[in-house]
Amino acid sequence: MWKAGKLYLLPVEGSDTQWYKNVLQNSSIRITSQGAEAALIASPITDSAQVSSVVGNFRAKYGAGDVKKYYAKFDVAVLAEMRRAPS
Protein backbone atom coordinates (compact mmCIF):
# COMPACT_ATOMS: atom_id res chain seq x y z
CA MET A 1 0.00 0.00 0.00
CA TRP A 2 1.35 3.41 -1.02
CA LYS A 3 1.08 6.06 1.73
CA ALA A 4 2.87 9.39 2.13
CA GLY A 5 5.43 8.51 -0.55
CA LYS A 6 6.29 5.13 0.97
CA LEU A 7 5.32 1.58 0.04
CA TYR A 8 4.11 -0.59 2.91
CA LEU A 9 3.72 -4.34 2.51
CA LEU A 10 1.82 -6.69 4.78
CA PRO A 11 2.93 -10.33 4.65
CA VAL A 12 -0.11 -12.61 4.35
CA GLU A 13 1.09 -14.96 7.10
CA GLY A 14 3.04 -12.35 9.05
CA SER A 15 6.50 -13.40 10.16
CA ASP A 16 5.80 -16.94 8.88
CA THR A 17 5.59 -15.71 5.27
CA GLN A 18 8.55 -16.98 3.22
CA TRP A 19 9.24 -13.72 1.35
CA TYR A 20 9.35 -11.92 4.71
CA LYS A 21 11.93 -14.43 5.96
CA ASN A 22 13.90 -13.79 2.75
CA VAL A 23 13.82 -10.02 3.41
CA LEU A 24 15.49 -10.66 6.78
CA GLN A 25 18.39 -12.28 4.91
CA ASN A 26 18.51 -9.91 1.91
CA SER A 27 16.80 -6.53 1.94
CA SER A 28 16.99 -6.05 -1.84
CA ILE A 29 13.65 -6.81 -3.49
CA ARG A 30 12.07 -6.31 -6.91
CA ILE A 31 8.42 -5.53 -7.41
CA THR A 32 6.67 -5.83 -10.76
CA SER A 33 3.23 -4.39 -11.49
CA GLN A 34 1.50 -3.93 -14.82
CA GLY A 35 4.76 -4.30 -16.74
CA ALA A 36 6.72 -1.84 -14.60
CA GLU A 37 9.50 -3.04 -12.33
CA ALA A 38 11.26 -1.38 -9.39
CA ALA A 39 14.28 -2.33 -7.28
CA LEU A 40 13.61 -1.55 -3.63
CA ILE A 41 15.21 -1.88 -0.22
CA ALA A 42 12.90 -3.57 2.29
CA SER A 43 13.00 -2.79 6.00
CA PRO A 44 11.10 -5.02 8.43
CA ILE A 45 8.67 -3.32 10.78
CA THR A 46 8.36 -5.23 14.05
CA ASP A 47 7.24 -2.53 16.50
CA SER A 48 3.67 -3.49 17.43
CA ALA A 49 2.36 0.10 17.27
CA GLN A 50 3.83 0.64 13.81
CA VAL A 51 2.52 -2.74 12.59
CA SER A 52 -0.93 -1.86 13.97
CA SER A 53 -0.81 1.43 12.07
CA VAL A 54 0.00 -0.36 8.80
CA VAL A 55 -2.78 -2.90 9.41
CA GLY A 56 -5.19 -0.05 10.17
CA ASN A 57 -4.25 1.65 6.92
CA PHE A 58 -4.80 -1.60 5.00
CA ARG A 59 -8.22 -1.98 6.65
CA ALA A 60 -9.15 1.61 5.80
CA LYS A 61 -8.12 1.20 2.16
CA TYR A 62 -9.23 -2.37 1.40
CA GLY A 63 -11.94 -2.97 4.00
CA ALA A 64 -11.72 -4.84 7.29
CA GLY A 65 -13.48 -7.87 5.80
CA ASP A 66 -10.96 -8.34 3.01
CA VAL A 67 -8.00 -7.83 5.33
CA LYS A 68 -9.44 -10.45 7.69
CA LYS A 69 -10.13 -12.77 4.74
CA TYR A 70 -6.67 -12.59 3.15
CA TYR A 71 -4.27 -11.93 6.04
CA ALA A 72 -3.76 -14.46 8.81
CA LYS A 73 -1.17 -12.94 11.14
CA PHE A 74 -0.42 -9.33 12.04
CA ASP A 75 2.95 -9.39 13.81
CA VAL A 76 5.13 -7.68 11.17
CA ALA A 77 5.00 -5.37 8.15
CA VAL A 78 7.59 -4.15 5.63
CA LEU A 79 8.58 -0.70 4.39
CA ALA A 80 9.95 -0.82 0.83
CA GLU A 81 11.79 2.23 -0.49
CA MET A 82 13.56 3.04 -3.74
CA ARG A 83 17.27 2.31 -3.80
CA ARG A 84 19.47 5.35 -3.58
CA ALA A 85 21.72 5.87 -6.58
CA PRO A 86 25.43 5.59 -5.70
CA SER A 87 27.16 8.96 -5.38
C-alpha atoms as a PDB file:
ATOM      1  CA  MET A   1       0.000   0.000   0.000  1.00  0.00           C
ATOM      2  CA  TRP A   2       1.353   3.413  -1.017  1.00  0.00           C
ATOM      3  CA  LYS A   3       1.083   6.058   1.728  1.00  0.00           C
ATOM      4  CA  ALA A   4       2.873   9.387   2.133  1.00  0.00           C
ATOM      5  CA  GLY A   5       5.430   8.515  -0.547  1.00  0.00           C
ATOM      6  CA  LYS A   6       6.287   5.130   0.971  1.00  0.00           C
ATOM      7  CA  LEU A   7       5.318   1.575   0.039  1.00  0.00           C
ATOM      8  CA  TYR A   8       4.108  -0.590   2.907  1.00  0.00           C
ATOM      9  CA  LEU A   9       3.718  -4.336   2.514  1.00  0.00           C
ATOM     10  CA  LEU A  10       1.821  -6.687   4.783  1.00  0.00           C
ATOM     11  CA  PRO A  11       2.932 -10.332   4.654  1.00  0.00           C
ATOM     12  CA  VAL A  12      -0.111 -12.610   4.353  1.00  0.00           C
ATOM     13  CA  GLU A  13       1.090 -14.962   7.097  1.00  0.00           C
ATOM     14  CA  GLY A  14       3.036 -12.346   9.048  1.00  0.00           C
ATOM     15  CA  SER A  15       6.498 -13.396  10.157  1.00  0.00           C
ATOM     16  CA  ASP A  16       5.804 -16.942   8.884  1.00  0.00           C
ATOM     17  CA  THR A  17       5.595 -15.714   5.266  1.00  0.00           C
ATOM     18  CA  GLN A  18       8.546 -16.979   3.222  1.00  0.00           C
ATOM     19  CA  TRP A  19       9.237 -13.717   1.351  1.00  0.00           C
ATOM     20  CA  TYR A  20       9.348 -11.915   4.711  1.00  0.00           C
ATOM     21  CA  LYS A  21      11.929 -14.427   5.959  1.00  0.00           C
ATOM     22  CA  ASN A  22      13.901 -13.787   2.750  1.00  0.00           C
ATOM     23  CA  VAL A  23      13.819 -10.017   3.413  1.00  0.00           C
ATOM     24  CA  LEU A  24      15.490 -10.662   6.784  1.00  0.00           C
ATOM     25  CA  GLN A  25      18.392 -12.277   4.913  1.00  0.00           C
ATOM     26  CA  ASN A  26      18.513  -9.913   1.912  1.00  0.00           C
ATOM     27  CA  SER A  27      16.803  -6.530   1.944  1.00  0.00           C
ATOM     28  CA  SER A  28      16.990  -6.054  -1.844  1.00  0.00           C
ATOM     29  CA  ILE A  29      13.653  -6.806  -3.494  1.00  0.00           C
ATOM     30  CA  ARG A  30      12.073  -6.308  -6.908  1.00  0.00           C
ATOM     31  CA  ILE A  31       8.424  -5.532  -7.413  1.00  0.00           C
ATOM     32  CA  THR A  32       6.666  -5.835 -10.763  1.00  0.00           C
ATOM     33  CA  SER A  33       3.234  -4.390 -11.489  1.00  0.00           C
ATOM     34  CA  GLN A  34       1.504  -3.929 -14.817  1.00  0.00           C
ATOM     35  CA  GLY A  35       4.756  -4.302 -16.742  1.00  0.00           C
ATOM     36  CA  ALA A  36       6.717  -1.842 -14.595  1.00  0.00           C
ATOM     37  CA  GLU A  37       9.503  -3.039 -12.326  1.00  0.00           C
ATOM     38  CA  ALA A  38      11.259  -1.380  -9.394  1.00  0.00           C
ATOM     39  CA  ALA A  39      14.276  -2.328  -7.283  1.00  0.00           C
ATOM     40  CA  LEU A  40      13.611  -1.553  -3.633  1.00  0.00           C
ATOM     41  CA  ILE A  41      15.206  -1.880  -0.218  1.00  0.00           C
ATOM     42  CA  ALA A  42      12.899  -3.573   2.291  1.00  0.00           C
ATOM     43  CA  SER A  43      12.997  -2.785   6.001  1.00  0.00           C
ATOM     44  CA  PRO A  44      11.095  -5.025   8.425  1.00  0.00           C
ATOM     45  CA  ILE A  45       8.673  -3.315  10.784  1.00  0.00           C
ATOM     46  CA  THR A  46       8.358  -5.228  14.052  1.00  0.00           C
ATOM     47  CA  ASP A  47       7.239  -2.525  16.500  1.00  0.00           C
ATOM     48  CA  SER A  48       3.674  -3.486  17.426  1.00  0.00           C
ATOM     49  CA  ALA A  49       2.363   0.102  17.273  1.00  0.00           C
ATOM     50  CA  GLN A  50       3.827   0.636  13.806  1.00  0.00           C
ATOM     51  CA  VAL A  51       2.517  -2.741  12.590  1.00  0.00           C
ATOM     52  CA  SER A  52      -0.933  -1.863  13.965  1.00  0.00           C
ATOM     53  CA  SER A  53      -0.806   1.429  12.070  1.00  0.00           C
ATOM     54  CA  VAL A  54       0.003  -0.362   8.796  1.00  0.00           C
ATOM     55  CA  VAL A  55      -2.777  -2.904   9.415  1.00  0.00           C
ATOM     56  CA  GLY A  56      -5.188  -0.054  10.165  1.00  0.00           C
ATOM     57  CA  ASN A  57      -4.245   1.653   6.918  1.00  0.00           C
ATOM     58  CA  PHE A  58      -4.802  -1.600   4.998  1.00  0.00           C
ATOM     59  CA  ARG A  59      -8.225  -1.982   6.648  1.00  0.00           C
ATOM     60  CA  ALA A  60      -9.145   1.608   5.798  1.00  0.00           C
ATOM     61  CA  LYS A  61      -8.123   1.204   2.160  1.00  0.00           C
ATOM     62  CA  TYR A  62      -9.230  -2.367   1.398  1.00  0.00           C
ATOM     63  CA  GLY A  63     -11.937  -2.967   4.003  1.00  0.00           C
ATOM     64  CA  ALA A  64     -11.719  -4.835   7.286  1.00  0.00           C
ATOM     65  CA  GLY A  65     -13.484  -7.870   5.803  1.00  0.00           C
ATOM     66  CA  ASP A  66     -10.956  -8.342   3.009  1.00  0.00           C
ATOM     67  CA  VAL A  67      -7.997  -7.833   5.325  1.00  0.00           C
ATOM     68  CA  LYS A  68      -9.435 -10.453   7.687  1.00  0.00           C
ATOM     69  CA  LYS A  69     -10.133 -12.774   4.737  1.00  0.00           C
ATOM     70  CA  TYR A  70      -6.669 -12.595   3.149  1.00  0.00           C
ATOM     71  CA  TYR A  71      -4.271 -11.927   6.036  1.00  0.00           C
ATOM     72  CA  ALA A  72      -3.758 -14.463   8.807  1.00  0.00           C
ATOM     73  CA  LYS A  73      -1.174 -12.945  11.144  1.00  0.00           C
ATOM     74  CA  PHE A  74      -0.419  -9.330  12.036  1.00  0.00           C
ATOM     75  CA  ASP A  75       2.948  -9.385  13.811  1.00  0.00           C
ATOM     76  CA  VAL A  76       5.133  -7.676  11.168  1.00  0.00           C
ATOM     77  CA  ALA A  77       4.998  -5.369   8.151  1.00  0.00           C
ATOM     78  CA  VAL A  78       7.591  -4.152   5.635  1.00  0.00           C
ATOM     79  CA  LEU A  79       8.578  -0.704   4.392  1.00  0.00           C
ATOM     80  CA  ALA A  80       9.952  -0.822   0.834  1.00  0.00           C
ATOM     81  CA  GLU A  81      11.785   2.234  -0.492  1.00  0.00           C
ATOM     82  CA  MET A  82      13.561   3.038  -3.739  1.00  0.00           C
ATOM     83  CA  ARG A  83      17.265   2.313  -3.805  1.00  0.00           C
ATOM     84  CA  ARG A  84      19.466   5.351  -3.577  1.00  0.00           C
ATOM     85  CA  ALA A  85      21.724   5.870  -6.581  1.00  0.00           C
ATOM     86  CA  PRO A  86      25.430   5.587  -5.703  1.00  0.00           C
ATOM     87  CA  SER A  87      27.165   8.960  -5.380  1.00  0.00           C
END
